[in-house]
Amino acid sequence: MERRLSKKDLMELYGVDRVTIEDWRRNRGLKMIEVSTHSKYITEKDLLEWENNLKES
């Protein structure tokens, strides 16, 4: 199974808060899978793809 990263993981990885992660979801195309209102994650592959798309913009 592919590694999954939670919002908390992303916050630690990028040194940002929850508001920033939500902004990235709404305005920058960060696609997180929503299991429930309090459980969201992104696969490592999707995160790398998102980062690469930002670099190309």
PDB file of N, CA and C in Angstrom:
ATOM      1  N   MET A   1       0.848  -1.194   0.000  1.00  0.00           N
ATOM      2  CA  MET A   1       0.000   0.000   0.000  1.00  0.00           C
ATOM      3  C   MET A   1       0.884   1.246   0.000  1.00  0.00           C
ATOM      4  N   GLU A   2       0.463   2.218  -0.748  1.00  0.00           N
ATOM      5  CA  GLU A   2       1.208   3.466  -0.861  1.00  0.00           C
ATOM      6  C   GLU A   2       1.118   4.276   0.438  1.00  0.00           C
ATOM      7  N   ARG A   3       2.193   4.961   0.754  1.00  0.00           N
ATOM      8  CA  ARG A   3       2.243   5.768   1.975  1.00  0.00           C
ATOM      9  C   ARG A   3       1.238   6.918   1.895  1.00  0.00           C
ATOM     10  N   ARG A   4       0.526   7.115   2.990  1.00  0.00           N
ATOM     11  CA  ARG A   4      -0.456   8.204   3.083  1.00  0.00           C
ATOM     12  C   ARG A   4       0.051   9.257   4.056  1.00  0.00           C
ATOM     13  N   LEU A   5      -0.207  10.508   3.716  1.00  0.00           N
ATOM     14  CA  LEU A   5       0.182  11.616   4.570  1.00  0.00           C
ATOM     15  C   LEU A   5      -1.075  12.348   5.035  1.00  0.00           C
ATOM     16  N   SER A   6      -1.164  12.570   6.328  1.00  0.00           N
ATOM     17  CA  SER A   6      -2.303  13.279   6.898  1.00  0.00           C
ATOM     18  C   SER A   6      -2.048  14.783   6.856  1.00  0.00           C
ATOM     19  N   LYS A   7      -3.069  15.549   7.219  1.00  0.00           N
ATOM     20  CA  LYS A   7      -2.895  17.003   7.316  1.00  0.00           C
ATOM     21  C   LYS A   7      -1.771  17.319   8.297  1.00  0.00           C
ATOM     22  N   LYS A   8      -1.752  16.608   9.407  1.00  0.00           N
ATOM     23  CA  LYS A   8      -0.719  16.830  10.424  1.00  0.00           C
ATOM     24  C   LYS A   8       0.667  16.564   9.839  1.00  0.00           C
ATOM     25  N   ASP A   9       0.794  15.498   9.060  1.00  0.00           N
ATOM     26  CA  ASP A   9       2.067  15.203   8.400  1.00  0.00           C
ATOM     27  C   ASP A   9       2.485  16.353   7.486  1.00  0.00           C
ATOM     28  N   LEU A  10       1.535  16.874   6.713  1.00  0.00           N
ATOM     29  CA  LEU A  10       1.830  17.979   5.802  1.00  0.00           C
ATOM     30  C   LEU A  10       2.232  19.237   6.567  1.00  0.00           C
ATOM     31  N   MET A  11       1.561  19.482   7.681  1.00  0.00           N
ATOM     32  CA  MET A  11       1.887  20.649   8.505  1.00  0.00           C
ATOM     33  C   MET A  11       3.334  20.563   8.995  1.00  0.00           C
ATOM     34  N   GLU A  12       3.734  19.393   9.429  1.00  0.00           N
ATOM     35  CA  GLU A  12       5.108  19.199   9.915  1.00  0.00           C
ATOM     36  C   GLU A  12       6.111  19.260   8.766  1.00  0.00           C
ATOM     37  N   LEU A  13       5.776  18.647   7.647  1.00  0.00           N
ATOM     38  CA  LEU A  13       6.662  18.592   6.493  1.00  0.00           C
ATOM     39  C   LEU A  13       6.972  19.985   5.940  1.00  0.00           C
ATOM     40  N   TYR A  14       5.941  20.822   5.818  1.00  0.00           N
ATOM     41  CA  TYR A  14       6.105  22.149   5.214  1.00  0.00           C
ATOM     42  C   TYR A  14       6.222  23.283   6.230  1.00  0.00           C
ATOM     43  N   GLY A  15       6.025  22.980   7.517  1.00  0.00           N
ATOM     44  CA  GLY A  15       6.122  24.020   8.538  1.00  0.00           C
ATOM     45  C   GLY A  15       5.012  25.054   8.442  1.00  0.00           C
ATOM     46  N   VAL A  16       3.795  24.587   8.143  1.00  0.00           N
ATOM     47  CA  VAL A  16       2.637  25.478   8.010  1.00  0.00           C
ATOM     48  C   VAL A  16       1.526  25.025   8.959  1.00  0.00           C
ATOM     49  N   ASP A  17       0.466  25.837   9.036  1.00  0.00           N
ATOM     50  CA  ASP A  17      -0.668  25.490   9.898  1.00  0.00           C
ATOM     51  C   ASP A  17      -1.826  24.915   9.082  1.00  0.00           C
ATOM     52  N   ARG A  18      -2.890  24.522   9.787  1.00  0.00           N
ATOM     53  CA  ARG A  18      -4.066  23.925   9.134  1.00  0.00           C
ATOM     54  C   ARG A  18      -4.723  24.876   8.137  1.00  0.00           C
ATOM     55  N   VAL A  19      -4.735  26.158   8.463  1.00  0.00           N
ATOM     56  CA  VAL A  19      -5.354  27.151   7.578  1.00  0.00           C
ATOM     57  C   VAL A  19      -4.649  27.150   6.216  1.00  0.00           C
ATOM     58  N   THR A  20      -3.341  27.045   6.233  1.00  0.00           N
ATOM     59  CA  THR A  20      -2.571  27.012   4.980  1.00  0.00           C
ATOM     60  C   THR A  20      -2.891  25.762   4.174  1.00  0.00           C
ATOM     61  N   ILE A  21      -2.964  24.615   4.847  1.00  0.00           N
ATOM     62  CA  ILE A  21      -3.292  23.370   4.153  1.00  0.00           C
ATOM     63  C   ILE A  21      -4.674  23.490   3.506  1.00  0.00           C
ATOM     64  N   GLU A  22      -5.637  24.037   4.230  1.00  0.00           N
ATOM     65  CA  GLU A  22      -6.991  24.226   3.679  1.00  0.00           C
ATOM     66  C   GLU A  22      -6.973  25.196   2.495  1.00  0.00           C
ATOM     67  N   ASP A  23      -6.154  26.234   2.592  1.00  0.00           N
ATOM     68  CA  ASP A  23      -6.017  27.176   1.475  1.00  0.00           C
ATOM     69  C   ASP A  23      -5.459  26.457   0.250  1.00  0.00           C
ATOM     70  N   TRP A  24      -4.471  25.617   0.445  1.00  0.00           N
ATOM     71  CA  TRP A  24      -3.902  24.856  -0.669  1.00  0.00           C
ATOM     72  C   TRP A  24      -4.947  23.938  -1.279  1.00  0.00           C
ATOM     73  N   ARG A  25      -5.793  23.360  -0.452  1.00  0.00           N
ATOM     74  CA  ARG A  25      -6.863  22.484  -0.969  1.00  0.00           C
ATOM     75  C   ARG A  25      -7.846  23.278  -1.818  1.00  0.00           C
ATOM     76  N   ARG A  26      -8.266  24.437  -1.307  1.00  0.00           N
ATOM     77  CA  ARG A  26      -9.295  25.231  -1.988  1.00  0.00           C
ATOM     78  C   ARG A  26      -8.762  25.986  -3.203  1.00  0.00           C
ATOM     79  N   ASN A  27      -7.549  26.518  -3.087  1.00  0.00           N
ATOM     80  CA  ASN A  27      -7.063  27.458  -4.093  1.00  0.00           C
ATOM     81  C   ASN A  27      -5.872  26.998  -4.931  1.00  0.00           C
ATOM     82  N   ARG A  28      -5.218  25.934  -4.515  1.00  0.00           N
ATOM     83  CA  ARG A  28      -4.016  25.506  -5.244  1.00  0.00           C
ATOM     84  C   ARG A  28      -4.075  24.063  -5.712  1.00  0.00           C
ATOM     85  N   GLY A  29      -5.241  23.447  -5.613  1.00  0.00           N
ATOM     86  CA  GLY A  29      -5.420  22.127  -6.201  1.00  0.00           C
ATOM     87  C   GLY A  29      -4.859  20.953  -5.427  1.00  0.00           C
ATOM     88  N   LEU A  30      -4.586  21.127  -4.135  1.00  0.00           N
ATOM     89  CA  LEU A  30      -4.109  20.005  -3.322  1.00  0.00           C
ATOM     90  C   LEU A  30      -5.267  19.040  -3.121  1.00  0.00           C
ATOM     91  N   LYS A  31      -5.131  17.836  -3.672  1.00  0.00           N
ATOM     92  CA  LYS A  31      -6.222  16.863  -3.642  1.00  0.00           C
ATOM     93  C   LYS A  31      -6.043  15.891  -2.487  1.00  0.00           C
ATOM     94  N   MET A  32      -6.819  16.093  -1.448  1.00  0.00           N
ATOM     95  CA  MET A  32      -6.775  15.179  -0.316  1.00  0.00           C
ATOM     96  C   MET A  32      -8.030  14.323  -0.323  1.00  0.00           C
ATOM     97  N   ILE A  33      -7.857  13.078   0.044  1.00  0.00           N
ATOM     98  CA  ILE A  33      -8.986  12.156   0.145  1.00  0.00           C
ATOM     99  C   ILE A  33      -9.622  12.346   1.511  1.00  0.00           C
ATOM    100  N   GLU A  34     -10.925  12.595   1.520  1.00  0.00           N
ATOM    101  CA  GLU A  34     -11.640  12.853   2.766  1.00  0.00           C
ATOM    102  C   GLU A  34     -12.366  11.582   3.207  1.00  0.00           C
ATOM    103  N   VAL A  35     -11.859  10.978   4.277  1.00  0.00           N
ATOM    104  CA  VAL A  35     -12.467   9.781   4.828  1.00  0.00           C
ATOM    105  C   VAL A  35     -13.648  10.188   5.714  1.00  0.00           C
ATOM    106  N   SER A  36     -13.447  11.241   6.478  1.00  0.00           N
ATOM    107  CA  SER A  36     -14.502  11.834   7.303  1.00  0.00           C
ATOM    108  C   SER A  36     -14.149  13.308   7.472  1.00  0.00           C
ATOM    109  N   THR A  37     -14.983  14.045   8.179  1.00  0.00           N
ATOM    110  CA  THR A  37     -14.700  15.479   8.339  1.00  0.00           C
ATOM    111  C   THR A  37     -13.387  15.720   9.080  1.00  0.00           C
ATOM    112  N   HIS A  38     -12.959  14.761   9.883  1.00  0.00           N
ATOM    113  CA  HIS A  38     -11.715  14.930  10.641  1.00  0.00           C
ATOM    114  C   HIS A  38     -10.587  14.031  10.152  1.00  0.00           C
ATOM    115  N   SER A  39     -10.796  13.327   9.072  1.00  0.00           N
ATOM    116  CA  SER A  39      -9.772  12.416   8.574  1.00  0.00           C
ATOM    117  C   SER A  39      -9.574  12.619   7.075  1.00  0.00           C
ATOM    118  N   LYS A  40      -8.454  13.262   6.743  1.00  0.00           N
ATOM    119  CA  LYS A  40      -8.119  13.522   5.347  1.00  0.00           C
ATOM    120  C   LYS A  40      -6.663  13.122   5.133  1.00  0.00           C
ATOM    121  N   TYR A  41      -6.370  12.629   3.945  1.00  0.00           N
ATOM    122  CA  TYR A  41      -4.992  12.272   3.645  1.00  0.00           C
ATOM    123  C   TYR A  41      -4.726  12.421   2.155  1.00  0.00           C
ATOM    124  N   ILE A  42      -3.449  12.391   1.814  1.00  0.00           N
ATOM    125  CA  ILE A  42      -3.012  12.411   0.427  1.00  0.00           C
ATOM    126  C   ILE A  42      -1.931  11.348   0.289  1.00  0.00           C
ATOM    127  N   THR A  43      -1.881  10.693  -0.850  1.00  0.00           N
ATOM    128  CA  THR A  43      -0.824   9.709  -1.058  1.00  0.00           C
ATOM    129  C   THR A  43       0.468  10.440  -1.423  1.00  0.00           C
ATOM    130  N   GLU A  44       1.575   9.811  -1.135  1.00  0.00           N
ATOM    131  CA  GLU A  44       2.873  10.405  -1.433  1.00  0.00           C
ATOM    132  C   GLU A  44       3.001  10.716  -2.927  1.00  0.00           C
ATOM    133  N   LYS A  45       2.515   9.812  -3.764  1.00  0.00           N
ATOM    134  CA  LYS A  45       2.558   9.994  -5.221  1.00  0.00           C
ATOM    135  C   LYS A  45       1.776  11.249  -5.633  1.00  0.00           C
ATOM    136  N   ASP A  46       0.559  11.417  -5.100  1.00  0.00           N
ATOM    137  CA  ASP A  46      -0.259  12.585  -5.435  1.00  0.00           C
ATOM    138  C   ASP A  46       0.380  13.877  -4.935  1.00  0.00           C
ATOM    139  N   LEU A  47       1.031  13.819  -3.779  1.00  0.00           N
ATOM    140  CA  LEU A  47       1.689  15.003  -3.238  1.00  0.00           C
ATOM    141  C   LEU A  47       2.851  15.425  -4.138  1.00  0.00           C
ATOM    142  N   LEU A  48       3.652  14.467  -4.574  1.00  0.00           N
ATOM    143  CA  LEU A  48       4.772  14.790  -5.467  1.00  0.00           C
ATOM    144  C   LEU A  48       4.275  15.348  -6.797  1.00  0.00           C
ATOM    145  N   GLU A  49       3.185  14.795  -7.302  1.00  0.00           N
ATOM    146  CA  GLU A  49       2.597  15.297  -8.536  1.00  0.00           C
ATOM    147  C   GLU A  49       2.116  16.738  -8.357  1.00  0.00           C
ATOM    148  N   TRP A  50       1.476  17.027  -7.232  1.00  0.00           N
ATOM    149  CA  TRP A  50       1.000  18.380  -6.929  1.00  0.00           C
ATOM    150  C   TRP A  50       2.173  19.355  -6.864  1.00  0.00           C
ATOM    151  N   GLU A  51       3.253  18.943  -6.168  1.00  0.00           N
ATOM    152  CA  GLU A  51       4.433  19.804  -6.069  1.00  0.00           C
ATOM    153  C   GLU A  51       5.020  20.097  -7.451  1.00  0.00           C
ATOM    154  N   ASN A  52       5.123  19.062  -8.284  1.00  0.00           N
ATOM    155  CA  ASN A  52       5.667  19.245  -9.630  1.00  0.00           C
ATOM    156  C   ASN A  52       4.820  20.172 -10.471  1.00  0.00           C
ATOM    157  N   ASN A  53       3.501  20.072 -10.340  1.00  0.00           N
ATOM    158  CA  ASN A  53       2.605  20.966 -11.075  1.00  0.00           C
ATOM    159  C   ASN A  53       2.775  22.416 -10.641  1.00  0.00           C
ATOM    160  N   LEU A  54       3.035  22.631  -9.353  1.00  0.00           N
ATOM    161  CA  LEU A  54       3.264  24.002  -8.875  1.00  0.00           C
ATOM    162  C   LEU A  54       4.544  24.573  -9.466  1.00  0.00           C
ATOM    163  N   LYS A  55       5.566  23.750  -9.584  1.00  0.00           N
ATOM    164  CA  LYS A  55       6.846  24.193 -10.140  1.00  0.00           C
ATOM    165  C   LYS A  55       6.706  24.589 -11.601  1.00  0.00           C
ATOM    166  N   GLU A  56       5.840  23.881 -12.324  1.00  0.00           N
ATOM    167  CA  GLU A  56       5.652  24.153 -13.750  1.00  0.00           C
ATOM    168  C   GLU A  56       4.810  25.376 -14.014  1.00  0.00           C
ATOM    169  N   SER A  57       4.044  25.810 -13.022  1.00  0.00           N
ATOM    170  CA  SER A  57       3.147  26.967 -13.209  1.00  0.00           C
ATOM    171  C   SER A  57       3.899  28.272 -13.275  1.00  0.00           C
TER     172      SER A  57
END
